[in-house]
Amino acid sequence: MNVEHIKSGLLIVLIGLSIILTWQLYTYQPEIALLDDVTSRYVSSELIGEERVISDVIQPDQMVVHYNDMKALIPKNDPKFAQLYEKLLTASFEEIEVSDDIFPKVNERGGIELLFPTSIPSHLFLNMISVETDYLYPGTVIDRIYLYVNDANGQVYMQFLSSEDRRVGSMKTNIAVNEFEEVFVQPISEYIPVKTLAGERSTKALITEDVYITTEPFKVDKLSYGATKLSVHLFRQSLFTDPNAVKYYQQTDGEDSYTDGNRIINLRKDGLFMEYGNTIFLGSQELTKHIVQGGFEFINGHGGWTDQYLLSNWVSTTNRDEVEFRLELNGFPVHSIDGQDRMTLKAKRSGNQIISYSRPLLDLDSLAINASQKIEMPAGEDVISYLQNDELFDVQRISRVSVGYEMHMTNPTFFTVEPHWYVLYGSRWQKVSLDQLKGAGDNGLE
């Protein structure tokens, strides 16, 4: 009897406890303020600049028109430059062939050659134009494109060159023939005349990668821009796992640093430039993306696209994976600021992990303050003639001759860019100043 009473008592207690727990479950309200406080310690969703698609940052830097034995450069700030590239990106393609064909396939109806500042991984380019193909080997790159009208069927074709493999691909497009010829090719006299650096194209060579130099002087704007300084705290929120664990300290040279013990941000030149490093080693990993794609996605992840930064170079070896996006203003690349090559977004990778990232902390105004001053640039052939006065100069080492900007800082919110000739000599861009070309200074590259 006593046992039955004990059982009944335990049952009543359990039922009561169940009622209490059920009531607490239905009436429970989480500590919202506390959760918000914890959540705020982690990565912010606030974008620093913009997210972009990869075709926004992969663009040709030269378009050369071939027509009636003439060659001319479409200036990049000419609306036709962007218009033609947009037509290429949105065109339809078919009948792909890969061969050892002639490049560029110049004929009487002319064509337009597109040169990129660096080679483009073929799978990225073909994805940009929505083409799927198994004709190209993994790792193949594309250096140049040539658009022309095929004599056999009167349609616009696109050739693409992989100089590394000495292979040429060809595809038929749906680009309107009349518009291509009448709007872009035939008005060649409206563009900047050029010639090839090594003379006329050899008829014996199947594949030619000519270096083009202008034959007449032309004018380029000297510009001034206002700028806004980007807050390093936005990057601290984006690049550190727990921003509240980040400590600030001042280096011996007076520059600022932020670190959580594994990652670090160092500020340079009074906070106008940032260097980020990540020492966390994730072990050996199989690469899943090309460094161009990986670097692009890393920058896109925090909306790091401020101003017009375009793919300018990449390196991928067993010991080094690095990609660089360079600032462009008014259609010209910015090669330096106060003599230093810092106007780039540069990311370095180990395995699939970005281990370093450097960039300016500047956001330039979209419109120039002063666009009234124009600088007359000597012809490119005069630049080459000047350089050949140096006995150590080797013209065979030149792979590009173009105008670019050098930036000068008046104060942290005001900048001026001045045009100069630049030569890609070996693997490095080198400036030829206007003072040198006018007879001042020593001969040679700076």
Protein backbone atom coordinates (compact mmCIF):
# COMPACT_ATOMS: atom_id res chain seq x y z
CA MET A 1 0.00 0.00 0.00
CA ASN A 2 2.80 2.38 0.86
CA VAL A 3 4.49 1.50 -2.46
CA GLU A 4 1.36 2.47 -4.37
CA HIS A 5 1.20 5.80 -2.54
CA ILE A 6 4.86 6.49 -3.48
CA LYS A 7 4.19 5.68 -7.14
CA SER A 8 1.16 7.96 -7.20
CA GLY A 9 3.14 10.78 -5.61
CA LEU A 10 5.97 10.48 -8.16
CA LEU A 11 3.47 10.48 -10.99
CA ILE A 12 1.86 13.67 -9.69
CA VAL A 13 5.30 15.33 -9.40
CA LEU A 14 6.25 14.34 -12.95
CA ILE A 15 2.96 15.60 -14.34
CA GLY A 16 3.43 18.89 -12.52
CA LEU A 17 7.00 19.21 -13.76
CA SER A 18 5.82 18.51 -17.33
CA ILE A 19 3.19 21.26 -17.06
CA ILE A 20 5.78 23.75 -15.78
CA LEU A 21 8.30 22.95 -18.55
CA THR A 22 5.59 23.14 -21.22
CA TRP A 23 4.51 26.54 -19.91
CA GLN A 24 8.10 27.83 -19.97
CA LEU A 25 8.56 26.58 -23.53
CA TYR A 26 5.50 28.43 -24.78
CA THR A 27 6.25 31.62 -22.89
CA TYR A 28 10.04 31.71 -23.56
CA GLN A 29 11.39 34.85 -25.24
CA PRO A 30 15.06 34.89 -26.27
CA GLU A 31 17.44 37.60 -25.12
CA ILE A 32 17.31 39.47 -28.43
CA ALA A 33 19.61 42.26 -27.33
CA LEU A 34 22.19 39.77 -26.12
CA LEU A 35 22.08 37.79 -29.39
CA ASP A 36 22.40 40.97 -31.43
CA ASP A 37 25.44 41.93 -29.39
CA VAL A 38 27.12 38.58 -30.13
CA THR A 39 26.19 38.60 -33.82
CA SER A 40 27.66 42.08 -34.30
CA ARG A 41 31.06 40.66 -33.45
CA TYR A 42 31.22 38.79 -36.75
CA VAL A 43 31.55 39.69 -40.40
CA SER A 44 29.53 42.69 -41.48
CA SER A 45 27.29 42.41 -44.54
CA GLU A 46 27.96 46.03 -45.44
CA LEU A 47 29.66 46.30 -48.82
CA ILE A 48 32.62 48.64 -49.17
CA GLY A 49 32.07 49.43 -52.84
CA GLU A 50 30.35 47.29 -55.46
CA GLU A 51 29.90 43.69 -56.46
CA ARG A 52 30.61 43.14 -60.16
CA VAL A 53 30.52 40.41 -62.79
CA ILE A 54 33.82 39.21 -64.17
CA SER A 55 33.26 40.75 -67.61
CA ASP A 56 33.33 44.16 -65.87
CA VAL A 57 36.98 43.66 -64.91
CA ILE A 58 38.28 41.72 -67.95
CA GLN A 59 38.54 44.06 -70.91
CA PRO A 60 40.88 44.59 -73.88
CA ASP A 61 43.21 47.57 -73.62
CA GLN A 62 43.68 48.04 -77.38
CA MET A 63 41.47 47.74 -80.47
CA VAL A 64 43.34 47.96 -83.76
CA VAL A 65 41.40 48.34 -87.02
CA HIS A 66 42.88 46.76 -90.18
CA TYR A 67 41.47 48.14 -93.44
CA ASN A 68 42.86 48.90 -96.92
CA ASP A 69 46.48 48.30 -95.83
CA MET A 70 45.98 50.81 -93.03
CA LYS A 71 45.94 50.27 -89.27
CA ALA A 72 44.46 52.54 -86.62
CA LEU A 73 43.76 52.48 -82.90
CA ILE A 74 40.26 53.05 -81.53
CA PRO A 75 40.86 55.13 -78.38
CA LYS A 76 39.51 53.40 -75.29
CA ASN A 77 37.57 56.51 -74.29
CA ASP A 78 35.84 56.48 -77.69
CA PRO A 79 32.25 55.19 -77.17
CA LYS A 80 32.77 52.76 -80.08
CA PHE A 81 35.33 50.84 -78.00
CA ALA A 82 32.83 49.87 -75.31
CA GLN A 83 30.06 49.46 -77.87
CA LEU A 84 31.97 46.87 -79.91
CA TYR A 85 33.11 44.93 -76.84
CA GLU A 86 29.53 44.79 -75.58
CA LYS A 87 28.41 43.41 -78.94
CA LEU A 88 31.07 40.72 -78.67
CA LEU A 89 30.02 39.74 -75.14
CA THR A 90 26.33 39.49 -76.07
CA ALA A 91 26.76 37.82 -79.48
CA SER A 92 25.81 34.24 -80.32
CA PHE A 93 28.54 31.85 -81.50
CA GLU A 94 28.65 28.54 -83.36
CA GLU A 95 30.87 26.21 -85.37
CA ILE A 96 33.96 26.42 -83.20
CA GLU A 97 37.18 25.19 -84.77
CA VAL A 98 40.69 25.08 -83.32
CA SER A 99 43.65 24.83 -85.71
CA ASP A 100 47.05 26.23 -86.68
CA ASP A 101 45.35 28.78 -88.91
CA ILE A 102 46.64 32.25 -89.84
CA PHE A 103 46.19 34.97 -87.21
CA PRO A 104 45.00 37.61 -87.77
CA LYS A 105 43.07 36.57 -90.88
CA VAL A 106 43.26 39.94 -92.63
CA ASN A 107 41.34 40.30 -95.89
CA GLU A 108 40.16 43.13 -98.14
CA ARG A 109 37.05 43.77 -96.05
CA GLY A 110 39.22 44.46 -93.00
CA GLY A 111 38.76 43.56 -89.36
CA ILE A 112 39.43 44.59 -85.79
CA GLU A 113 42.06 43.09 -83.47
CA LEU A 114 41.44 43.15 -79.71
CA LEU A 115 44.52 42.97 -77.46
CA PHE A 116 44.23 42.18 -73.75
CA PRO A 117 46.70 43.55 -71.17
CA THR A 118 47.39 39.98 -70.04
CA SER A 119 46.36 36.51 -71.13
CA ILE A 120 42.84 35.40 -70.19
CA PRO A 121 42.11 31.84 -69.00
CA SER A 122 40.13 30.42 -71.92
CA HIS A 123 37.37 28.91 -69.76
CA LEU A 124 36.74 32.33 -68.17
CA PHE A 125 36.55 34.09 -71.53
CA LEU A 126 34.29 31.44 -73.07
CA ASN A 127 32.03 31.64 -70.00
CA MET A 128 31.86 35.41 -70.47
CA ILE A 129 30.51 34.92 -74.00
CA SER A 130 28.32 31.95 -72.93
CA VAL A 131 30.16 29.34 -74.99
CA GLU A 132 30.71 25.78 -73.78
CA THR A 133 33.42 23.78 -75.52
CA ASP A 134 35.70 20.83 -74.94
CA TYR A 135 38.03 21.84 -77.77
CA LEU A 136 40.41 23.73 -75.50
CA TYR A 137 42.72 22.01 -73.05
CA PRO A 138 42.54 22.96 -69.35
CA GLY A 139 45.01 25.77 -68.68
CA THR A 140 44.73 27.23 -72.18
CA VAL A 141 44.80 31.02 -72.32
CA ILE A 142 43.58 33.58 -74.85
CA ASP A 143 45.75 36.58 -75.70
CA ARG A 144 44.11 38.28 -78.67
CA ILE A 145 40.87 38.28 -80.64
CA TYR A 146 40.27 39.20 -84.25
CA LEU A 147 36.86 40.02 -85.72
CA TYR A 148 36.50 39.91 -89.50
CA VAL A 149 34.01 39.24 -92.29
CA ASN A 150 34.43 35.79 -93.82
CA ASP A 151 34.73 36.04 -97.61
CA ALA A 152 33.03 32.67 -98.16
CA ASN A 153 29.69 33.38 -96.46
CA GLY A 154 29.76 37.10 -95.67
CA GLN A 155 29.35 36.67 -91.91
CA VAL A 156 31.35 38.08 -89.02
CA TYR A 157 33.75 35.56 -87.49
CA MET A 158 35.80 35.74 -84.31
CA GLN A 159 39.30 34.32 -84.10
CA PHE A 160 40.95 33.86 -80.72
CA LEU A 161 44.67 33.29 -80.29
CA SER A 162 46.46 31.22 -77.67
CA SER A 163 50.05 32.27 -78.25
CA GLU A 164 51.29 29.86 -75.58
CA ASP A 165 49.94 26.85 -77.49
CA ARG A 166 50.31 28.48 -80.94
CA ARG A 167 46.68 27.60 -81.62
CA VAL A 168 43.92 29.63 -83.21
CA GLY A 169 40.20 29.17 -82.58
CA SER A 170 37.48 30.41 -84.89
CA MET A 171 33.72 30.86 -84.39
CA LYS A 172 30.91 32.28 -86.48
CA THR A 173 28.98 35.11 -84.78
CA ASN A 174 25.62 36.79 -85.30
CA ILE A 175 27.13 40.31 -85.25
CA ALA A 176 25.48 42.35 -88.01
CA VAL A 177 27.87 42.63 -90.96
CA ASN A 178 26.72 46.05 -92.18
CA GLU A 179 27.00 47.63 -88.73
CA PHE A 180 30.38 46.01 -88.11
CA GLU A 181 31.82 47.36 -91.37
CA GLU A 182 30.10 50.75 -91.59
CA VAL A 183 30.22 51.77 -87.92
CA PHE A 184 33.51 50.26 -86.76
CA VAL A 185 35.84 49.29 -89.64
CA GLN A 186 35.37 51.74 -92.51
CA PRO A 187 35.66 54.98 -90.44
CA ILE A 188 39.36 54.12 -89.91
CA SER A 189 40.37 57.71 -90.72
CA GLU A 190 38.61 58.85 -87.51
CA TYR A 191 40.96 56.80 -85.33
CA ILE A 192 44.65 57.14 -84.34
CA PRO A 193 46.98 55.82 -87.09
CA VAL A 194 49.43 53.09 -86.04
CA LYS A 195 52.04 50.85 -87.57
CA THR A 196 53.72 47.69 -86.39
CA LEU A 197 56.91 48.01 -84.40
CA ALA A 198 58.83 45.51 -86.52
CA GLY A 199 57.63 46.80 -89.88
CA GLU A 200 54.99 45.27 -92.06
CA ARG A 201 53.47 41.89 -91.31
CA SER A 202 55.50 38.98 -92.60
CA THR A 203 53.62 36.90 -95.16
CA LYS A 204 55.61 33.83 -94.11
CA ALA A 205 54.45 33.80 -90.49
CA LEU A 206 51.14 32.07 -89.79
CA ILE A 207 50.69 33.71 -86.39
CA THR A 208 51.79 37.28 -85.78
CA GLU A 209 51.62 39.17 -82.47
CA ASP A 210 52.45 42.67 -83.60
CA VAL A 211 53.31 45.54 -81.28
CA TYR A 212 51.52 48.68 -82.49
CA ILE A 213 52.91 52.20 -82.23
CA THR A 214 51.17 55.45 -83.16
CA THR A 215 52.55 57.44 -86.10
CA GLU A 216 51.10 60.86 -85.30
CA PRO A 217 50.93 63.09 -82.20
CA PHE A 218 47.60 63.17 -80.36
CA LYS A 219 46.20 64.90 -77.29
CA VAL A 220 45.33 63.41 -73.91
CA ASP A 221 43.55 65.11 -71.00
CA LYS A 222 45.38 66.06 -67.85
CA LEU A 223 42.79 65.57 -65.11
CA SER A 224 42.13 66.33 -61.46
CA TYR A 225 39.89 64.29 -59.16
CA GLY A 226 38.43 64.69 -55.73
CA ALA A 227 38.54 61.58 -53.54
CA THR A 228 37.01 60.07 -50.44
CA LYS A 229 39.17 58.09 -48.04
CA LEU A 230 37.80 54.59 -47.35
CA SER A 231 37.51 53.64 -43.70
CA VAL A 232 39.79 50.80 -42.62
CA HIS A 233 37.06 49.73 -40.19
CA LEU A 234 34.94 48.52 -43.12
CA PHE A 235 37.76 46.18 -44.09
CA ARG A 236 38.25 45.16 -40.46
CA GLN A 237 34.60 44.09 -40.36
CA SER A 238 34.93 42.15 -43.63
CA LEU A 239 38.37 40.54 -43.44
CA PHE A 240 38.47 39.43 -39.78
CA THR A 241 36.31 36.60 -38.43
CA ASP A 242 35.69 38.39 -35.12
CA PRO A 243 36.22 42.16 -35.53
CA ASN A 244 35.83 42.74 -31.77
CA ALA A 245 38.88 40.56 -31.14
CA VAL A 246 41.04 42.80 -33.33
CA LYS A 247 43.65 44.87 -31.50
CA TYR A 248 45.08 48.17 -32.65
CA TYR A 249 48.70 49.16 -32.26
CA GLN A 250 51.09 51.70 -33.73
CA GLN A 251 54.25 50.57 -35.46
CA THR A 252 57.67 52.10 -34.86
CA ASP A 253 57.38 54.05 -38.11
CA GLY A 254 54.14 55.63 -36.89
CA GLU A 255 51.84 53.64 -39.18
CA ASP A 256 48.74 51.91 -37.83
CA SER A 257 48.14 48.16 -37.63
CA TYR A 258 45.18 45.94 -36.71
CA THR A 259 45.54 42.25 -35.86
CA ASP A 260 43.71 39.33 -34.24
CA GLY A 261 46.90 37.27 -33.94
CA ASN A 262 46.36 35.44 -37.25
CA ARG A 263 45.38 38.20 -39.64
CA ILE A 264 46.80 41.69 -39.87
CA ILE A 265 46.06 44.97 -41.65
CA ASN A 266 48.93 47.45 -42.00
CA LEU A 267 48.23 51.00 -43.15
CA ARG A 268 50.76 52.86 -45.29
CA LYS A 269 51.30 56.47 -46.34
CA ASP A 270 49.07 58.06 -43.69
CA GLY A 271 46.36 55.47 -44.14
CA LEU A 272 45.93 55.87 -47.91
CA PHE A 273 47.02 52.29 -48.63
CA MET A 274 46.30 48.98 -46.97
CA GLU A 275 48.21 45.71 -46.77
CA TYR A 276 46.32 42.67 -45.46
CA GLY A 277 47.97 39.39 -44.48
CA ASN A 278 46.55 36.05 -43.37
CA THR A 279 48.94 33.62 -41.68
CA ILE A 280 46.38 30.84 -41.12
CA PHE A 281 47.59 27.74 -42.97
CA LEU A 282 44.79 25.46 -44.12
CA GLY A 283 47.05 22.63 -45.32
CA SER A 284 47.48 21.38 -48.85
CA GLN A 285 44.36 21.83 -50.94
CA GLU A 286 43.48 20.90 -54.48
CA LEU A 287 43.02 24.09 -56.48
CA THR A 288 39.43 24.49 -57.59
CA LYS A 289 39.64 27.90 -59.28
CA HIS A 290 42.09 29.85 -61.39
CA ILE A 291 43.83 32.68 -59.52
CA VAL A 292 42.00 35.25 -61.69
CA GLN A 293 38.64 33.79 -60.64
CA GLY A 294 39.74 33.32 -57.03
CA GLY A 295 41.07 36.86 -56.67
CA PHE A 296 37.99 38.33 -58.35
CA GLU A 297 35.64 36.44 -56.00
CA PHE A 298 37.67 37.43 -52.93
CA ILE A 299 37.35 41.14 -53.81
CA ASN A 300 33.71 40.68 -54.79
CA GLY A 301 33.04 39.05 -51.42
CA HIS A 302 33.46 42.33 -49.57
CA GLY A 303 32.32 44.62 -52.40
CA GLY A 304 35.87 45.83 -52.87
CA TRP A 305 35.35 47.27 -56.35
CA THR A 306 35.74 51.01 -56.02
CA ASP A 307 36.52 52.97 -59.20
CA GLN A 308 37.43 51.24 -62.47
CA TYR A 309 39.90 48.45 -61.71
CA LEU A 310 40.67 46.03 -64.56
CA LEU A 311 42.64 42.80 -64.80
CA SER A 312 46.20 43.77 -65.72
CA ASN A 313 48.39 40.79 -64.81
CA TRP A 314 48.49 37.39 -63.13
CA VAL A 315 51.12 34.80 -62.27
CA SER A 316 50.50 31.15 -61.45
CA THR A 317 53.40 28.82 -60.61
CA THR A 318 54.05 26.05 -58.10
CA ASN A 319 55.37 28.68 -55.66
CA ARG A 320 53.34 31.74 -56.57
CA ASP A 321 49.71 32.59 -57.35
CA GLU A 322 49.04 36.29 -57.73
CA VAL A 323 46.55 38.50 -59.57
CA GLU A 324 46.50 42.25 -60.14
CA PHE A 325 43.70 44.65 -61.10
CA ARG A 326 44.89 48.14 -62.11
CA LEU A 327 43.04 51.45 -61.84
CA GLU A 328 41.96 52.99 -65.13
CA LEU A 329 40.95 56.62 -65.62
CA ASN A 330 39.67 58.21 -68.83
CA GLY A 331 40.52 54.99 -70.70
CA PHE A 332 44.18 54.92 -69.60
CA PRO A 333 45.85 52.79 -66.89
CA VAL A 334 47.30 54.52 -63.83
CA HIS A 335 50.84 53.17 -63.52
CA SER A 336 52.03 55.02 -60.44
CA ILE A 337 51.21 57.52 -57.70
CA ASP A 338 54.03 59.87 -56.68
CA GLY A 339 56.49 57.50 -58.35
CA GLN A 340 55.23 54.27 -56.73
CA ASP A 341 53.23 51.50 -58.39
CA ARG A 342 50.41 51.29 -55.84
CA MET A 343 47.17 51.93 -57.74
CA THR A 344 46.24 48.25 -57.95
CA LEU A 345 44.15 45.68 -56.15
CA LYS A 346 46.60 42.82 -55.70
CA ALA A 347 45.83 39.43 -54.16
CA LYS A 348 48.20 36.54 -53.49
CA ARG A 349 47.08 32.97 -52.80
CA SER A 350 48.44 29.83 -51.16
CA GLY A 351 46.35 26.80 -52.06
CA ASN A 352 42.81 28.17 -52.19
CA GLN A 353 43.46 30.69 -49.38
CA ILE A 354 44.11 34.39 -50.06
CA ILE A 355 47.14 35.14 -47.88
CA SER A 356 47.80 38.77 -48.83
CA TYR A 357 45.82 41.63 -50.30
CA SER A 358 46.96 45.19 -50.96
CA ARG A 359 45.03 48.17 -52.28
CA PRO A 360 44.49 51.93 -52.08
CA LEU A 361 41.97 53.17 -49.52
CA LEU A 362 40.70 55.75 -51.97
CA ASP A 363 37.43 56.21 -53.82
CA LEU A 364 37.85 58.79 -56.59
CA ASP A 365 34.96 60.93 -57.74
CA SER A 366 33.29 59.61 -60.90
CA LEU A 367 33.75 62.91 -62.72
CA ALA A 368 36.97 64.88 -63.09
CA ILE A 369 37.10 68.35 -61.56
CA ASN A 370 39.14 69.85 -64.37
CA ALA A 371 39.16 68.36 -67.88
CA SER A 372 40.12 71.46 -69.85
CA GLN A 373 43.89 70.95 -70.09
CA LYS A 374 45.14 68.71 -72.89
CA ILE A 375 48.69 67.43 -73.26
CA GLU A 376 50.07 66.71 -76.73
CA MET A 377 51.69 63.30 -76.80
CA PRO A 378 54.51 62.67 -79.31
CA ALA A 379 53.97 59.82 -81.74
CA GLY A 380 54.80 56.37 -80.46
CA GLU A 381 57.37 55.92 -83.23
CA ASP A 382 59.20 59.00 -81.86
CA VAL A 383 59.32 57.26 -78.46
CA ILE A 384 60.96 54.21 -80.03
CA SER A 385 63.42 56.36 -81.99
CA TYR A 386 64.41 58.10 -78.77
CA LEU A 387 64.91 54.84 -76.91
CA GLN A 388 67.04 53.40 -79.68
CA ASN A 389 69.66 56.05 -78.93
CA ASP A 390 70.57 53.90 -75.95
CA GLU A 391 72.97 51.14 -77.02
CA LEU A 392 71.66 48.84 -74.28
CA PHE A 393 68.07 49.15 -75.48
CA ASP A 394 66.71 46.01 -77.18
CA VAL A 395 63.58 46.60 -79.24
CA GLN A 396 62.85 42.86 -79.22
CA ARG A 397 62.07 43.03 -75.50
CA ILE A 398 59.13 45.40 -76.04
CA SER A 399 55.68 43.83 -75.89
CA ARG A 400 53.50 46.96 -75.59
CA VAL A 401 53.82 50.73 -76.12
CA SER A 402 50.96 52.82 -74.75
CA VAL A 403 49.97 56.00 -72.93
CA GLY A 404 49.25 55.80 -69.22
CA TYR A 405 48.76 58.11 -66.26
CA GLU A 406 50.98 59.03 -63.35
CA MET A 407 49.04 60.26 -60.32
CA HIS A 408 50.14 63.04 -57.98
CA MET A 409 48.60 63.75 -54.58
CA THR A 410 48.03 67.40 -53.73
CA ASN A 411 46.31 66.40 -50.48
CA PRO A 412 44.47 63.25 -49.33
CA THR A 413 41.27 64.40 -51.06
CA PHE A 414 42.66 65.88 -54.28
CA PHE A 415 44.68 64.15 -57.00
CA THR A 416 46.02 65.02 -60.45
CA VAL A 417 46.84 62.57 -63.24
CA GLU A 418 49.30 63.41 -66.01
CA PRO A 419 49.81 61.36 -69.21
CA HIS A 420 53.14 59.80 -70.18
CA TRP A 421 54.32 57.16 -72.60
CA TYR A 422 54.92 53.75 -71.04
CA VAL A 423 56.74 50.77 -72.49
CA LEU A 424 56.25 47.18 -71.36
CA TYR A 425 59.91 46.21 -71.50
CA GLY A 426 60.59 42.64 -70.48
CA SER A 427 57.94 42.11 -67.84
CA ARG A 428 57.86 45.61 -66.34
CA TRP A 429 56.13 48.84 -67.34
CA GLN A 430 58.62 51.72 -67.58
CA LYS A 431 57.88 55.39 -68.07
CA VAL A 432 59.29 57.61 -70.80
CA SER A 433 58.61 61.14 -69.56
CA LEU A 434 57.66 64.00 -71.83
CA ASP A 435 60.71 65.93 -70.61
CA GLN A 436 62.95 63.14 -71.85
CA LEU A 437 61.28 63.16 -75.26
CA LYS A 438 61.76 66.93 -75.49
CA GLY A 439 65.49 66.50 -74.96
CA ALA A 440 65.78 66.91 -71.18
CA GLY A 441 67.26 64.26 -68.90
CA ASP A 442 69.25 61.17 -69.72
CA ASN A 443 68.45 58.69 -72.42
CA GLY A 444 66.72 55.46 -71.53
CA LEU A 445 63.79 54.16 -69.59
CA GLU A 446 62.93 55.38 -66.09
